[in-house]
N, C-alpha and C. Protein backbone atom coordinates (compact mmCIF):
# COMPACT_ATOMS: atom_id res chain seq x y z
N MET A 1 137.85 130.19 106.08
CA MET A 1 136.71 130.82 105.49
C MET A 1 135.69 130.06 104.95
N THR A 2 134.54 130.28 105.47
CA THR A 2 133.38 129.57 105.29
C THR A 2 132.86 129.26 104.28
N ALA A 3 131.74 128.88 103.81
CA ALA A 3 130.77 129.23 101.88
C ALA A 3 130.27 130.11 103.02
N GLN A 4 129.56 130.02 104.02
CA GLN A 4 129.07 132.31 103.96
C GLN A 4 129.70 133.24 103.06
N ASP A 5 130.95 132.96 104.22
CA ASP A 5 132.00 134.14 103.83
C ASP A 5 132.02 134.33 102.41
N THR A 6 132.05 132.96 101.94
CA THR A 6 132.37 133.29 99.82
C THR A 6 131.16 133.61 99.66
N GLY A 7 130.18 133.57 100.23
CA GLY A 7 128.98 133.09 99.32
C GLY A 7 128.12 132.37 98.18
N THR A 8 129.19 130.79 98.84
CA THR A 8 128.67 130.06 98.53
C THR A 8 127.59 128.64 99.14
N ASP A 9 127.20 128.59 98.00
CA ASP A 9 126.44 127.24 98.67
C ASP A 9 126.48 126.00 99.15
N ALA A 10 126.65 126.47 100.05
CA ALA A 10 127.49 125.07 101.01
C ALA A 10 126.30 123.24 101.71
N THR A 11 125.12 123.84 101.24
CA THR A 11 124.23 122.48 101.53
C THR A 11 124.07 121.66 99.97
N VAL A 12 124.60 120.52 100.67
CA VAL A 12 124.50 119.15 100.23
C VAL A 12 123.89 119.15 99.64
N ARG A 13 123.10 118.68 98.31
CA ARG A 13 122.01 117.55 98.72
C ARG A 13 122.34 116.48 97.81
N PRO A 14 121.50 115.62 98.34
CA PRO A 14 121.75 114.32 97.60
C PRO A 14 121.00 113.63 97.11
N ALA A 15 121.82 113.10 96.05
CA ALA A 15 121.67 112.60 94.34
C ALA A 15 120.55 111.71 94.56
N PRO A 16 119.01 111.95 94.03
CA PRO A 16 118.00 111.04 94.04
C PRO A 16 118.57 109.62 93.81
N ARG A 17 117.67 109.25 95.23
CA ARG A 17 117.79 107.76 94.58
C ARG A 17 117.36 107.09 93.19
N HIS A 18 117.96 106.07 92.93
CA HIS A 18 118.05 105.13 91.53
C HIS A 18 116.87 104.40 91.74
N GLY A 19 116.52 104.56 90.88
CA GLY A 19 114.79 103.26 90.92
C GLY A 19 113.51 104.05 91.55
N GLN A 20 113.74 105.46 92.16
CA GLN A 20 112.51 105.87 93.18
C GLN A 20 110.72 105.92 91.88
N ALA A 21 112.26 106.29 90.44
CA ALA A 21 110.60 106.69 89.67
C ALA A 21 109.70 105.86 89.39
N ALA A 22 110.15 104.43 89.38
CA ALA A 22 109.29 103.07 89.32
C ALA A 22 108.67 103.24 90.18
N VAL A 23 109.26 103.65 91.42
CA VAL A 23 108.34 103.19 92.80
C VAL A 23 106.60 104.75 92.47
N VAL A 24 107.56 105.74 92.56
CA VAL A 24 106.06 106.67 92.11
C VAL A 24 104.88 106.94 91.13
N ALA A 25 105.71 105.83 89.95
CA ALA A 25 105.03 104.89 88.90
C ALA A 25 104.15 104.21 89.26
N ALA A 26 104.44 103.47 89.96
CA ALA A 26 103.73 101.98 90.28
C ALA A 26 102.58 102.70 91.72
N VAL A 27 103.16 103.59 92.71
CA VAL A 27 101.91 103.70 93.05
C VAL A 27 101.18 105.23 92.67
N ALA A 28 100.76 105.52 92.16
CA ALA A 28 100.21 106.62 90.77
C ALA A 28 99.11 105.66 89.66
N ALA A 29 100.18 104.93 89.87
CA ALA A 29 98.93 104.01 88.59
C ALA A 29 98.29 103.62 89.59
N GLY A 30 98.41 102.72 91.05
CA GLY A 30 97.51 101.68 91.66
C GLY A 30 96.75 102.74 92.25
N GLY A 31 97.79 103.96 92.19
CA GLY A 31 96.28 105.41 93.23
C GLY A 31 94.74 105.92 92.69
N ALA A 32 95.80 105.66 91.03
CA ALA A 32 94.66 105.91 90.67
C ALA A 32 92.95 104.75 90.00
N ILE A 33 93.65 103.44 90.82
CA ILE A 33 92.60 102.17 90.39
C ILE A 33 91.75 102.36 92.10
N GLY A 34 92.38 102.21 92.48
CA GLY A 34 91.99 102.52 94.16
C GLY A 34 90.95 103.54 93.93
N ALA A 35 91.69 104.63 93.40
CA ALA A 35 90.13 106.12 93.76
C ALA A 35 89.42 106.29 92.63
N THR A 36 89.76 105.09 91.77
CA THR A 36 88.70 105.04 90.76
C THR A 36 87.12 104.05 91.63
N ALA A 37 87.75 102.42 92.36
CA ALA A 37 87.28 102.47 92.44
C ALA A 37 86.69 102.81 94.03
N ARG A 38 87.32 103.72 94.76
CA ARG A 38 86.88 104.14 95.82
C ARG A 38 84.75 104.76 95.43
N TYR A 39 85.49 105.54 94.00
CA TYR A 39 84.54 106.90 93.52
C TYR A 39 83.10 106.15 93.09
N ALA A 40 83.03 104.75 92.11
CA ALA A 40 82.81 103.67 91.67
C ALA A 40 81.73 103.59 92.82
N ALA A 41 82.36 103.15 93.94
CA ALA A 41 81.34 102.48 95.49
C ALA A 41 80.00 103.77 95.38
N SER A 42 80.84 105.41 95.67
CA SER A 42 80.30 106.59 95.94
C SER A 42 79.14 107.28 95.23
N LEU A 43 79.15 106.08 94.02
CA LEU A 43 78.37 106.89 93.09
C LEU A 43 77.25 105.65 93.67
N LEU A 44 77.69 104.07 93.33
CA LEU A 44 76.55 102.77 93.57
C LEU A 44 75.63 103.47 94.37
N TRP A 45 76.75 103.54 95.87
CA TRP A 45 75.37 103.97 97.64
C TRP A 45 76.28 104.98 97.72
N PRO A 46 75.08 105.98 97.49
CA PRO A 46 76.12 107.46 97.55
C PRO A 46 75.17 107.32 99.20
N ALA A 47 75.95 108.51 99.97
CA ALA A 47 75.11 108.37 101.31
C ALA A 47 74.05 109.89 101.57
N HIS A 48 73.94 109.72 103.04
CA HIS A 48 72.49 110.35 102.54
C HIS A 48 72.63 111.39 104.21
N SER A 49 72.16 112.57 103.83
CA SER A 49 72.93 113.55 104.33
C SER A 49 72.45 113.45 106.16
N GLY A 50 72.86 113.41 107.26
CA GLY A 50 72.91 113.39 108.41
C GLY A 50 72.65 111.65 108.37
N GLY A 51 72.99 111.09 107.39
CA GLY A 51 72.82 109.21 107.85
C GLY A 51 74.31 108.96 107.98
N PHE A 52 74.24 107.94 108.83
CA PHE A 52 75.66 107.18 108.64
C PHE A 52 76.08 106.83 107.35
N PRO A 53 77.34 106.93 107.65
CA PRO A 53 78.30 107.15 106.10
C PRO A 53 78.66 105.53 105.70
N TRP A 54 77.39 104.86 106.00
CA TRP A 54 78.07 102.97 105.20
C TRP A 54 78.56 102.97 103.92
N THR A 55 78.19 103.67 102.50
CA THR A 55 79.31 103.17 101.67
C THR A 55 81.04 103.81 101.95
N THR A 56 81.36 104.57 102.77
CA THR A 56 82.88 104.84 103.33
C THR A 56 83.16 104.02 104.49
N PHE A 57 82.82 104.03 105.32
CA PHE A 57 82.67 103.26 105.86
C PHE A 57 82.79 100.63 105.90
N TRP A 58 81.75 100.95 104.66
CA TRP A 58 82.06 99.31 104.56
C TRP A 58 83.49 99.75 102.72
N VAL A 59 83.74 101.17 102.79
CA VAL A 59 84.64 101.03 101.66
C VAL A 59 86.13 100.42 102.83
N ASN A 60 86.53 101.07 103.77
CA ASN A 60 87.54 101.55 104.30
C ASN A 60 88.17 99.90 104.58
N VAL A 61 86.21 99.43 105.58
CA VAL A 61 86.59 98.37 106.23
C VAL A 61 87.09 96.89 105.20
N SER A 62 86.48 97.24 103.97
CA SER A 62 87.02 96.15 103.11
C SER A 62 88.30 95.88 102.54
N GLY A 63 88.35 97.11 102.77
CA GLY A 63 90.38 97.46 102.63
C GLY A 63 91.06 96.83 103.35
N CYS A 64 90.70 97.08 104.40
CA CYS A 64 91.64 96.90 105.46
C CYS A 64 91.81 95.41 105.13
N ALA A 65 90.79 94.54 105.68
CA ALA A 65 90.97 93.16 104.93
C ALA A 65 91.58 93.18 104.07
N VAL A 66 91.66 93.46 103.47
CA VAL A 66 92.50 93.57 102.33
C VAL A 66 94.06 92.94 102.55
N ILE A 67 94.01 94.51 103.09
CA ILE A 67 95.25 94.97 103.54
C ILE A 67 95.96 93.66 104.63
N GLY A 68 95.25 92.77 105.47
CA GLY A 68 95.87 91.76 106.10
C GLY A 68 95.87 91.23 105.59
N VAL A 69 95.01 90.39 104.45
CA VAL A 69 95.58 89.20 103.15
C VAL A 69 97.24 89.25 102.94
N PHE A 70 96.74 90.58 101.94
CA PHE A 70 97.79 90.56 100.85
C PHE A 70 98.90 90.74 101.99
N MET A 71 98.90 91.62 103.21
CA MET A 71 100.58 92.16 103.81
C MET A 71 100.83 90.51 104.33
N VAL A 72 99.98 89.07 104.68
CA VAL A 72 100.55 88.36 105.08
C VAL A 72 101.22 87.74 103.91
N LEU A 73 100.95 87.97 102.48
CA LEU A 73 100.97 87.00 101.21
C LEU A 73 102.00 87.67 101.13
N VAL A 74 102.62 88.74 100.89
CA VAL A 74 103.41 89.60 100.71
C VAL A 74 104.78 89.70 101.83
N VAL A 75 104.62 89.55 102.59
CA VAL A 75 105.76 89.06 103.66
C VAL A 75 106.11 87.83 103.48
N GLU A 76 104.59 87.35 104.12
CA GLU A 76 105.28 85.65 104.97
C GLU A 76 105.10 85.33 103.84
N ALA A 77 104.42 85.11 102.08
CA ALA A 77 104.00 83.66 101.37
C ALA A 77 105.21 83.44 100.67
N ARG A 78 105.12 84.64 100.06
CA ARG A 78 106.35 84.05 98.74
C ARG A 78 107.17 85.61 98.43
N ALA A 79 108.11 85.77 97.94
CA ALA A 79 108.66 87.40 97.21
C ALA A 79 108.40 87.35 96.26
N VAL A 80 108.05 88.56 96.39
CA VAL A 80 106.97 88.81 95.03
C VAL A 80 108.54 90.82 94.60
N HIS A 81 107.84 90.40 93.59
CA HIS A 81 108.76 92.17 92.60
C HIS A 81 107.98 93.65 93.97
N ARG A 82 109.58 94.05 93.50
CA ARG A 82 109.31 94.53 94.62
C ARG A 82 108.88 95.67 93.96
N LEU A 83 107.81 96.30 92.48
CA LEU A 83 106.80 97.08 92.87
C LEU A 83 105.40 96.38 92.75
N VAL A 84 105.19 95.27 93.37
CA VAL A 84 104.46 95.26 94.46
C VAL A 84 103.63 95.81 95.47
N ARG A 85 104.42 96.09 96.14
CA ARG A 85 103.51 96.65 97.65
C ARG A 85 103.20 98.20 97.06
N PRO A 86 104.11 98.86 96.62
CA PRO A 86 103.86 100.15 96.36
C PRO A 86 102.55 99.56 95.23
N PHE A 87 102.49 99.31 94.26
CA PHE A 87 101.44 99.83 93.42
C PHE A 87 100.17 99.09 94.00
N PHE A 88 100.43 97.62 95.04
CA PHE A 88 98.75 97.52 95.57
C PHE A 88 98.44 97.65 97.14
N GLY A 89 99.58 97.92 97.54
CA GLY A 89 99.15 98.17 98.83
C GLY A 89 99.52 99.70 99.11
N THR A 90 100.04 100.63 98.67
CA THR A 90 100.34 101.77 98.68
C THR A 90 99.33 102.43 97.85
N GLY A 91 99.51 102.05 97.05
CA GLY A 91 98.15 102.41 95.53
C GLY A 91 97.00 102.10 95.45
N VAL A 92 97.09 100.85 94.89
CA VAL A 92 95.30 100.48 95.41
C VAL A 92 94.54 100.51 96.16
N LEU A 93 95.26 100.20 97.07
CA LEU A 93 94.88 100.08 98.92
C LEU A 93 94.45 101.28 99.27
N GLY A 94 95.27 102.07 98.95
CA GLY A 94 95.75 103.56 99.33
C GLY A 94 94.66 104.66 98.73
N GLY A 95 94.83 104.14 98.13
CA GLY A 95 93.32 104.71 97.25
C GLY A 95 92.14 104.71 97.05
N TYR A 96 92.20 103.47 97.51
CA TYR A 96 91.10 102.88 98.57
C TYR A 96 90.15 102.89 98.86
N THR A 97 91.09 103.03 100.20
CA THR A 97 90.29 103.40 100.91
C THR A 97 90.83 104.70 101.93
N THR A 98 89.62 105.60 102.74
CA THR A 98 89.59 107.05 102.68
C THR A 98 89.44 107.35 104.10
N PHE A 99 90.20 107.51 104.52
CA PHE A 99 90.38 108.42 106.00
C PHE A 99 90.16 109.16 105.86
N SER A 100 90.71 110.08 105.05
CA SER A 100 90.22 111.54 104.70
C SER A 100 88.56 111.97 104.33
N THR A 101 88.37 111.83 103.74
CA THR A 101 86.48 110.65 104.16
C THR A 101 86.21 111.10 104.88
N TYR A 102 86.85 109.95 105.66
CA TYR A 102 86.13 109.54 107.20
C TYR A 102 85.72 110.41 107.79
N ALA A 103 87.18 110.81 108.06
CA ALA A 103 87.43 112.68 108.82
C ALA A 103 85.98 113.49 108.26
N VAL A 104 86.34 114.21 107.48
CA VAL A 104 85.15 115.34 107.36
C VAL A 104 83.49 114.67 107.16
N ASP A 105 83.65 113.09 106.57
CA ASP A 105 82.28 112.51 106.94
C ASP A 105 81.70 113.05 108.27
N ILE A 106 82.34 112.71 109.26
CA ILE A 106 82.60 112.93 110.62
C ILE A 106 82.31 114.73 111.59
N ARG A 107 82.78 115.44 110.60
CA ARG A 107 82.76 117.15 110.56
C ARG A 107 81.47 117.09 110.22
N THR A 108 80.90 116.55 108.89
CA THR A 108 79.80 117.31 108.41
C THR A 108 78.50 116.25 108.84
N LEU A 109 78.55 115.20 109.93
CA LEU A 109 78.01 115.05 110.80
C LEU A 109 78.02 115.95 111.80
N LEU A 110 78.26 116.15 112.86
CA LEU A 110 78.95 116.80 113.75
C LEU A 110 78.44 118.85 113.07
N ASP A 111 79.27 119.57 112.41
CA ASP A 111 77.79 120.21 111.51
C ASP A 111 76.82 120.46 111.34
N GLU A 112 75.88 119.09 110.87
CA GLU A 112 74.73 119.31 110.68
C GLU A 112 74.12 118.69 112.39
N GLY A 113 74.62 118.62 113.06
CA GLY A 113 73.93 118.30 114.41
C GLY A 113 74.19 117.09 114.45
N HIS A 114 74.48 116.28 114.23
CA HIS A 114 74.12 114.38 114.02
C HIS A 114 75.21 114.35 115.20
N PRO A 115 75.75 114.52 116.70
CA PRO A 115 76.81 114.33 117.12
C PRO A 115 76.58 112.78 117.80
N ALA A 116 75.35 111.82 117.72
CA ALA A 116 75.25 110.20 118.11
C ALA A 116 75.93 110.19 116.73
N THR A 117 75.62 110.44 115.85
CA THR A 117 76.06 109.07 114.72
C THR A 117 77.18 109.72 114.19
N ALA A 118 77.85 110.87 114.05
CA ALA A 118 79.27 111.53 114.60
C ALA A 118 80.34 110.34 115.36
N LEU A 119 79.95 110.52 116.57
CA LEU A 119 80.54 109.62 117.26
C LEU A 119 80.97 108.02 117.13
N ALA A 120 79.13 107.92 116.66
CA ALA A 120 78.83 106.42 115.92
C ALA A 120 80.32 105.99 115.64
N TYR A 121 79.81 106.44 113.93
CA TYR A 121 81.25 106.75 112.74
C TYR A 121 82.40 106.89 113.86
N LEU A 122 82.64 107.59 113.92
CA LEU A 122 83.77 107.33 114.52
C LEU A 122 84.22 106.39 115.40
N ALA A 123 84.07 105.36 116.42
CA ALA A 123 84.05 104.65 116.62
C ALA A 123 83.41 103.35 115.94
N ALA A 124 82.97 103.44 115.43
CA ALA A 124 82.47 101.93 114.21
C ALA A 124 84.09 101.50 113.39
N THR A 125 83.84 102.46 112.42
CA THR A 125 85.57 102.93 111.00
C THR A 125 86.44 102.51 112.61
N LEU A 126 86.62 102.57 113.54
CA LEU A 126 87.93 102.56 114.07
C LEU A 126 88.07 101.19 114.75
N LEU A 127 86.89 100.37 115.05
CA LEU A 127 87.13 99.42 115.56
C LEU A 127 86.97 97.98 114.40
N ALA A 128 86.38 98.22 113.60
CA ALA A 128 85.69 97.71 111.82
C ALA A 128 87.02 97.91 111.69
N ALA A 129 87.38 98.76 111.94
CA ALA A 129 89.19 98.86 110.76
C ALA A 129 90.45 97.37 111.19
N LEU A 130 90.07 98.21 112.38
CA LEU A 130 91.37 97.07 113.34
C LEU A 130 91.47 95.77 113.14
N THR A 131 89.60 95.34 112.94
CA THR A 131 89.40 94.25 112.71
C THR A 131 89.33 93.77 111.95
N ALA A 132 89.45 94.68 110.94
CA ALA A 132 89.10 94.11 110.20
C ALA A 132 90.98 93.51 109.40
N VAL A 133 91.71 94.28 110.21
CA VAL A 133 92.67 94.06 109.73
C VAL A 133 93.63 92.89 109.81
N ARG A 134 92.96 92.58 111.12
CA ARG A 134 93.06 91.18 111.97
C ARG A 134 92.61 90.20 110.98
N LEU A 135 91.15 90.19 111.09
CA LEU A 135 90.70 88.56 110.32
C LEU A 135 91.15 88.78 109.30
N GLY A 136 91.34 88.86 108.63
CA GLY A 136 92.28 89.58 107.46
C GLY A 136 93.62 88.84 106.97
N VAL A 137 94.59 88.95 108.12
CA VAL A 137 95.30 88.56 108.74
C VAL A 137 95.65 87.00 109.49
N THR A 138 94.99 86.50 109.99
CA THR A 138 94.55 85.37 110.33
C THR A 138 93.95 84.41 109.72
N ALA A 139 92.98 84.90 108.81
CA ALA A 139 92.72 84.15 108.06
C ALA A 139 93.74 84.02 106.78
N ALA A 140 94.33 84.92 106.07
CA ALA A 140 95.49 83.93 105.00
C ALA A 140 96.64 83.49 106.68
N ARG A 141 96.81 83.57 107.33
CA ARG A 141 97.93 82.61 108.19
C ARG A 141 97.29 81.56 107.79
N ARG A 142 95.73 81.24 108.09
CA ARG A 142 95.48 79.36 108.48
C ARG A 142 95.32 79.08 106.91
N LEU A 143 94.69 79.63 105.92
CA LEU A 143 95.07 79.66 104.24
C LEU A 143 96.64 79.58 104.06
N LEU A 144 97.46 79.54 104.10
CA LEU A 144 99.11 79.42 104.45
C LEU A 144 99.18 78.32 105.15
N LEU A 145 98.31 77.79 106.31
CA LEU A 145 99.24 76.53 106.63
C LEU A 145 98.70 75.02 106.54
N ARG A 146 97.33 75.50 105.50
CA ARG A 146 96.61 74.75 104.80
C ARG A 146 96.94 73.96 103.70
N ARG A 147 98.31 74.79 103.12
CA ARG A 147 98.45 74.38 101.48
C ARG A 147 99.57 73.16 102.09
N PRO A 148 99.12 73.13 100.45
CA PRO A 148 100.57 72.13 100.45
C PRO A 148 102.18 72.12 100.14
N ARG A 149 103.13 72.11 100.65
CA ARG A 149 104.69 72.51 100.51
C ARG A 149 104.88 71.67 99.69
């Protein structure tokens, strides 16, 4: 006789992982901080309709540079508390960088009849963000090599 024959639910659900609440809370707290910083940047340097979205561009590029430095520090330099990466890496930097706004900005530029600006923004952000991560990683590693042991 199967579970289907008896009308019982044979689906076995895994027990919630222990300690996940702390990780979720760390990501949420960090995300609130990062998103607030991003929003503040948009208030300080508002984008102009049809123009290159410089604020979102520089927020994403600076966030990627910090991600590069941060990952070297927490992975290669020293052991950190288990909530540092979720709080700062996923939360703060994930809330600060805004690739969803990047996508919306591209769509808006296209809808407003600015395909050249949209394409330039698409390519420039991608190249600058990847370059920023690489430069952040390289700079952090060089600084680590110079420090006394």
